[in-house]
Amino acid sequence: MSDCIFCRIARGEIPANKIYEDEDIFAFHDIHPQAPVHFMMIPKQHIASLAETDSGHQAILGKLLAKAGELARGQGLADGFRIIINTGRIGRQEVYHLHIHIVGGPEPLGSMLPKR
């Protein structure tokens, strides 16, 4: 998808503070970090959201999650981190290109969701 901001980042058309890249995935620091460490991983293939995946996406989804721990440790998150995949309008997805947020830092993260 030519006008998708994450597709453009993966193609190198928009600069990003890259952490990792291979033929399938791209990882970069979030420009509006919500924690001391906050980076994102995206598949280079345009997939609008997690809700649009199926069994044909198993390999790329597995590769993203398998690489997440290594990259998190490399960013200093040896004691743990949180992975967030916002999906769709209700899930507060802002960019419709599947992306994984990896967040953490030296202090424990707050509650996953506010208590109701």
C-alpha atoms as a PDB file:
ATOM      1  CA  MET A   1       0.000   0.000   0.000  1.00  0.00           C
ATOM      2  CA  SER A   2       1.880   3.038  -1.263  1.00  0.00           C
ATOM      3  CA  ASP A   3       0.483   5.744   1.043  1.00  0.00           C
ATOM      4  CA  CYS A   4       0.579   3.780   4.331  1.00  0.00           C
ATOM      5  CA  ILE A   5       2.984   5.531   6.709  1.00  0.00           C
ATOM      6  CA  PHE A   6       4.426   2.261   8.045  1.00  0.00           C
ATOM      7  CA  CYS A   7       4.896   0.891   4.520  1.00  0.00           C
ATOM      8  CA  ARG A   8       6.745   4.100   3.680  1.00  0.00           C
ATOM      9  CA  ILE A   9       8.920   3.760   6.807  1.00  0.00           C
ATOM     10  CA  ALA A  10       9.738   0.137   5.912  1.00  0.00           C
ATOM     11  CA  ARG A  11      10.708   1.221   2.382  1.00  0.00           C
ATOM     12  CA  GLY A  12      13.004   3.932   3.776  1.00  0.00           C
ATOM     13  CA  GLU A  13      10.935   6.812   2.382  1.00  0.00           C
ATOM     14  CA  ILE A  14      10.335   8.225   5.871  1.00  0.00           C
ATOM     15  CA  PRO A  15      13.221   8.237   8.357  1.00  0.00           C
ATOM     16  CA  ALA A  16      12.941   6.148  11.502  1.00  0.00           C
ATOM     17  CA  ASN A  17      15.247   5.316  14.382  1.00  0.00           C
ATOM     18  CA  LYS A  18      15.731   1.704  13.256  1.00  0.00           C
ATOM     19  CA  ILE A  19      16.467  -1.081  15.719  1.00  0.00           C
ATOM     20  CA  TYR A  20      16.282  -4.055  13.372  1.00  0.00           C
ATOM     21  CA  GLU A  21      15.441  -4.961   9.799  1.00  0.00           C
ATOM     22  CA  ASP A  22      15.384  -8.102   7.714  1.00  0.00           C
ATOM     23  CA  GLU A  23      13.506  -9.143   4.588  1.00  0.00           C
ATOM     24  CA  ASP A  24      10.204  -9.535   6.472  1.00  0.00           C
ATOM     25  CA  ILE A  25      10.134  -7.213   9.490  1.00  0.00           C
ATOM     26  CA  PHE A  26      11.201  -3.732  10.557  1.00  0.00           C
ATOM     27  CA  ALA A  27      11.594  -2.506  14.155  1.00  0.00           C
ATOM     28  CA  PHE A  28      11.993   1.132  15.164  1.00  0.00           C
ATOM     29  CA  HIS A  29      11.610   3.467  18.130  1.00  0.00           C
ATOM     30  CA  ASP A  30       8.180   5.028  18.621  1.00  0.00           C
ATOM     31  CA  ILE A  31       8.225   8.785  18.004  1.00  0.00           C
ATOM     32  CA  HIS A  32       5.827   9.331  20.945  1.00  0.00           C
ATOM     33  CA  PRO A  33       7.159   6.901  23.573  1.00  0.00           C
ATOM     34  CA  GLN A  34       4.804   5.921  26.373  1.00  0.00           C
ATOM     35  CA  ALA A  35       7.543   4.310  28.501  1.00  0.00           C
ATOM     36  CA  PRO A  36      11.322   4.678  28.911  1.00  0.00           C
ATOM     37  CA  VAL A  37      11.689   2.011  26.202  1.00  0.00           C
ATOM     38  CA  HIS A  38       9.025   1.975  23.503  1.00  0.00           C
ATOM     39  CA  PHE A  39       9.584   0.546  20.058  1.00  0.00           C
ATOM     40  CA  MET A  40       7.453  -1.007  17.373  1.00  0.00           C
ATOM     41  CA  MET A  41       7.770  -3.983  15.091  1.00  0.00           C
ATOM     42  CA  ILE A  42       5.938  -4.209  11.785  1.00  0.00           C
ATOM     43  CA  PRO A  43       5.734  -6.743   9.007  1.00  0.00           C
ATOM     44  CA  LYS A  44       6.984  -5.248   5.748  1.00  0.00           C
ATOM     45  CA  GLN A  45       3.983  -6.816   4.058  1.00  0.00           C
ATOM     46  CA  HIS A  46       0.970  -4.539   4.456  1.00  0.00           C
ATOM     47  CA  ILE A  47      -1.539  -6.200   6.760  1.00  0.00           C
ATOM     48  CA  ALA A  48      -4.158  -3.724   7.990  1.00  0.00           C
ATOM     49  CA  SER A  49      -4.710  -5.230  11.444  1.00  0.00           C
ATOM     50  CA  LEU A  50      -4.504  -8.384  13.514  1.00  0.00           C
ATOM     51  CA  ALA A  51      -8.224  -8.889  12.818  1.00  0.00           C
ATOM     52  CA  GLU A  52      -7.381  -9.395   9.138  1.00  0.00           C
ATOM     53  CA  THR A  53      -4.889 -12.207   9.669  1.00  0.00           C
ATOM     54  CA  ASP A  54      -5.537 -15.869   9.067  1.00  0.00           C
ATOM     55  CA  SER A  55      -3.555 -19.109   8.957  1.00  0.00           C
ATOM     56  CA  GLY A  56      -1.663 -17.779   5.931  1.00  0.00           C
ATOM     57  CA  HIS A  57      -0.033 -15.206   8.224  1.00  0.00           C
ATOM     58  CA  GLN A  58       1.269 -17.690  10.806  1.00  0.00           C
ATOM     59  CA  ALA A  59       4.879 -17.444   9.676  1.00  0.00           C
ATOM     60  CA  ILE A  60       5.127 -13.652   9.876  1.00  0.00           C
ATOM     61  CA  LEU A  61       3.186 -13.453  13.150  1.00  0.00           C
ATOM     62  CA  GLY A  62       5.447 -16.097  14.654  1.00  0.00           C
ATOM     63  CA  LYS A  63       8.557 -14.342  13.391  1.00  0.00           C
ATOM     64  CA  LEU A  64       7.445 -11.023  14.924  1.00  0.00           C
ATOM     65  CA  LEU A  65       6.804 -12.566  18.330  1.00  0.00           C
ATOM     66  CA  ALA A  66       9.912 -14.746  18.225  1.00  0.00           C
ATOM     67  CA  LYS A  67      12.096 -11.705  17.514  1.00  0.00           C
ATOM     68  CA  ALA A  68      10.419  -9.487  20.131  1.00  0.00           C
ATOM     69  CA  GLY A  69      12.245 -10.954  23.131  1.00  0.00           C
ATOM     70  CA  GLU A  70      15.667 -10.653  21.536  1.00  0.00           C
ATOM     71  CA  LEU A  71      15.062  -7.036  20.522  1.00  0.00           C
ATOM     72  CA  ALA A  72      13.565  -6.160  23.928  1.00  0.00           C
ATOM     73  CA  ARG A  73      16.612  -7.573  25.718  1.00  0.00           C
ATOM     74  CA  GLY A  74      18.815  -5.617  23.333  1.00  0.00           C
ATOM     75  CA  GLN A  75      17.008  -2.449  24.385  1.00  0.00           C
ATOM     76  CA  GLY A  76      17.665  -3.173  28.076  1.00  0.00           C
ATOM     77  CA  LEU A  77      14.422  -4.936  28.955  1.00  0.00           C
ATOM     78  CA  ALA A  78      15.946  -8.088  30.475  1.00  0.00           C
ATOM     79  CA  ASP A  79      13.545  -7.982  33.454  1.00  0.00           C
ATOM     80  CA  GLY A  80      10.398  -7.924  31.345  1.00  0.00           C
ATOM     81  CA  PHE A  81       8.303  -5.906  28.955  1.00  0.00           C
ATOM     82  CA  ARG A  82       4.796  -5.593  27.612  1.00  0.00           C
ATOM     83  CA  ILE A  83       3.642  -6.302  24.067  1.00  0.00           C
ATOM     84  CA  ILE A  84       0.591  -4.416  22.847  1.00  0.00           C
ATOM     85  CA  ILE A  85      -1.255  -4.931  19.577  1.00  0.00           C
ATOM     86  CA  ASN A  86      -4.059  -2.407  19.225  1.00  0.00           C
ATOM     87  CA  THR A  87      -6.649  -3.768  16.809  1.00  0.00           C
ATOM     88  CA  GLY A  88      -9.445  -1.841  15.137  1.00  0.00           C
ATOM     89  CA  ARG A  89     -11.356   1.214  16.289  1.00  0.00           C
ATOM     90  CA  ILE A  90     -12.404  -0.226  19.649  1.00  0.00           C
ATOM     91  CA  GLY A  91      -8.828  -1.429  20.255  1.00  0.00           C
ATOM     92  CA  ARG A  92      -7.601   2.145  19.586  1.00  0.00           C
ATOM     93  CA  GLN A  93      -5.568   1.257  16.506  1.00  0.00           C
ATOM     94  CA  GLU A  94      -4.383   4.523  14.968  1.00  0.00           C
ATOM     95  CA  VAL A  95      -2.336   3.324  11.989  1.00  0.00           C
ATOM     96  CA  TYR A  96      -3.963   0.574   9.941  1.00  0.00           C
ATOM     97  CA  HIS A  97      -0.832  -1.454   9.361  1.00  0.00           C
ATOM     98  CA  LEU A  98      -0.326  -4.276  11.858  1.00  0.00           C
ATOM     99  CA  HIS A  99       2.215  -3.193  14.458  1.00  0.00           C
ATOM    100  CA  ILE A 100       3.419  -4.449  17.801  1.00  0.00           C
ATOM    101  CA  HIS A 101       4.366  -2.027  20.555  1.00  0.00           C
ATOM    102  CA  ILE A 102       7.082  -3.251  22.937  1.00  0.00           C
ATOM    103  CA  VAL A 103       7.220  -1.134  26.096  1.00  0.00           C
ATOM    104  CA  GLY A 104       9.106  -1.292  29.362  1.00  0.00           C
ATOM    105  CA  GLY A 105      11.718   0.282  31.515  1.00  0.00           C
ATOM    106  CA  PRO A 106      13.494   0.049  34.841  1.00  0.00           C
ATOM    107  CA  GLU A 107      10.277   0.310  36.902  1.00  0.00           C
ATOM    108  CA  PRO A 108       7.262  -2.005  36.732  1.00  0.00           C
ATOM    109  CA  LEU A 109       4.575  -0.900  34.294  1.00  0.00           C
ATOM    110  CA  GLY A 110       1.184   0.197  35.578  1.00  0.00           C
ATOM    111  CA  SER A 111      -2.020  -1.771  35.305  1.00  0.00           C
ATOM    112  CA  MET A 112      -2.758  -3.180  31.910  1.00  0.00           C
ATOM    113  CA  LEU A 113      -6.208  -1.560  31.826  1.00  0.00           C
ATOM    114  CA  PRO A 114      -7.821   0.966  34.158  1.00  0.00           C
ATOM    115  CA  LYS A 115     -10.118  -0.693  36.659  1.00  0.00           C
ATOM    116  CA  ARG A 116     -13.798  -0.058  36.070  1.00  0.00           C
END
